[in-house]
Amino acid sequence: MDGKEPPLRSVRDVAKVWERFKSGDLVGCPKCDGSMALAVEGSSKSYRLVCTQCGTSTPWFEPSGAELILKFEADGSDLELPDDD
């Protein structure tokens, strides 16, 4: 491991991609250059961007004013959000 954080895991990286996506730009996946699509979890008002080809994704996040709040467990893994059953 080279000590670098995996792509799309820092607030800075997610915020850059989110701003581009919101402005209408096509956002390419950092792993395979596939298109990123928005996933929405309505009950918690959370979002994440997911590659339509390889499945690489940002963590779930919540836009809060001018900043983003990433939703992680204490160990750094993504939170499991409820299904919309």
Protein backbone atom coordinates (compact mmCIF):
# COMPACT_ATOMS: atom_id res chain seq x y z
CA MET A 1 0.00 0.00 0.00
CA ASP A 2 1.38 3.41 -0.89
CA GLY A 3 -0.25 5.28 2.04
CA LYS A 4 -2.58 7.26 -0.23
CA GLU A 5 -6.24 7.42 0.64
CA PRO A 6 -8.48 5.44 -1.75
CA PRO A 7 -10.24 7.60 -4.36
CA LEU A 8 -13.43 9.40 -3.35
CA ARG A 9 -13.01 8.83 0.40
CA SER A 10 -12.00 12.32 1.60
CA VAL A 11 -14.40 15.23 2.13
CA ARG A 12 -12.33 17.26 -0.33
CA ASP A 13 -12.56 14.66 -3.12
CA VAL A 14 -16.28 14.03 -2.61
CA ALA A 15 -17.02 17.78 -2.47
CA LYS A 16 -15.19 18.38 -5.78
CA VAL A 17 -17.07 15.57 -7.52
CA TRP A 18 -20.40 16.64 -5.98
CA GLU A 19 -19.99 20.24 -7.14
CA ARG A 20 -19.19 19.11 -10.69
CA PHE A 21 -22.15 16.73 -10.70
CA LYS A 22 -24.55 19.41 -9.38
CA SER A 23 -23.41 21.84 -12.07
CA GLY A 24 -24.40 19.33 -14.77
CA ASP A 25 -20.92 18.12 -15.71
CA LEU A 26 -20.41 14.47 -16.60
CA VAL A 27 -18.26 12.98 -13.86
CA GLY A 28 -15.96 10.08 -14.69
CA CYS A 29 -15.02 7.31 -12.28
CA PRO A 30 -11.43 7.60 -10.99
CA LYS A 31 -10.93 3.84 -11.48
CA CYS A 32 -12.44 3.05 -14.88
CA ASP A 33 -13.66 6.41 -16.26
CA GLY A 34 -17.27 5.13 -16.36
CA SER A 35 -20.13 7.53 -15.66
CA MET A 36 -21.03 8.36 -12.06
CA ALA A 37 -24.72 8.28 -11.10
CA LEU A 38 -26.47 9.65 -8.02
CA ALA A 39 -27.93 7.26 -5.43
CA VAL A 40 -30.43 8.79 -2.98
CA GLU A 41 -31.43 7.51 0.45
CA GLY A 42 -34.54 9.57 1.14
CA SER A 43 -35.22 8.72 4.78
CA SER A 44 -31.80 9.95 5.93
CA LYS A 45 -31.43 12.62 3.22
CA SER A 46 -28.13 11.08 2.16
CA TYR A 47 -26.52 10.76 -1.24
CA ARG A 48 -23.61 8.97 -2.86
CA LEU A 49 -22.17 8.87 -6.34
CA VAL A 50 -21.72 5.40 -7.83
CA CYS A 51 -19.92 4.30 -11.00
CA THR A 52 -22.38 2.71 -13.42
CA GLN A 53 -19.67 0.34 -14.71
CA CYS A 54 -17.45 -0.85 -11.85
CA GLY A 55 -19.45 0.14 -8.74
CA THR A 56 -16.82 2.43 -7.20
CA SER A 57 -18.66 4.89 -4.98
CA THR A 58 -18.30 7.79 -2.63
CA PRO A 59 -19.34 7.26 0.97
CA TRP A 60 -22.90 8.29 1.78
CA PHE A 61 -22.91 12.03 2.46
CA GLU A 62 -25.28 14.77 3.52
CA PRO A 63 -25.00 18.24 2.03
CA SER A 64 -25.14 20.77 4.86
CA GLY A 65 -24.98 24.36 3.72
CA ALA A 66 -21.62 24.97 2.08
CA GLU A 67 -20.09 21.71 3.36
CA LEU A 68 -20.60 17.97 3.19
CA ILE A 69 -20.93 15.56 6.08
CA LEU A 70 -19.58 12.10 5.23
CA LYS A 71 -21.38 9.21 6.91
CA PHE A 72 -18.78 6.72 8.20
CA GLU A 73 -18.67 4.13 10.96
CA ALA A 74 -15.91 4.56 13.56
CA ASP A 75 -13.74 2.03 11.67
CA GLY A 76 -14.00 4.06 8.45
CA SER A 77 -16.49 1.77 6.72
CA ASP A 78 -19.63 3.23 5.20
CA LEU A 79 -22.77 3.34 7.31
CA GLU A 80 -25.41 0.78 6.43
CA LEU A 81 -28.54 2.74 5.66
CA PRO A 82 -32.02 1.22 5.87
CA ASP A 83 -33.71 -0.25 2.81
CA ASP A 84 -36.82 1.52 1.53
CA ASP A 85 -39.12 -1.47 2.14
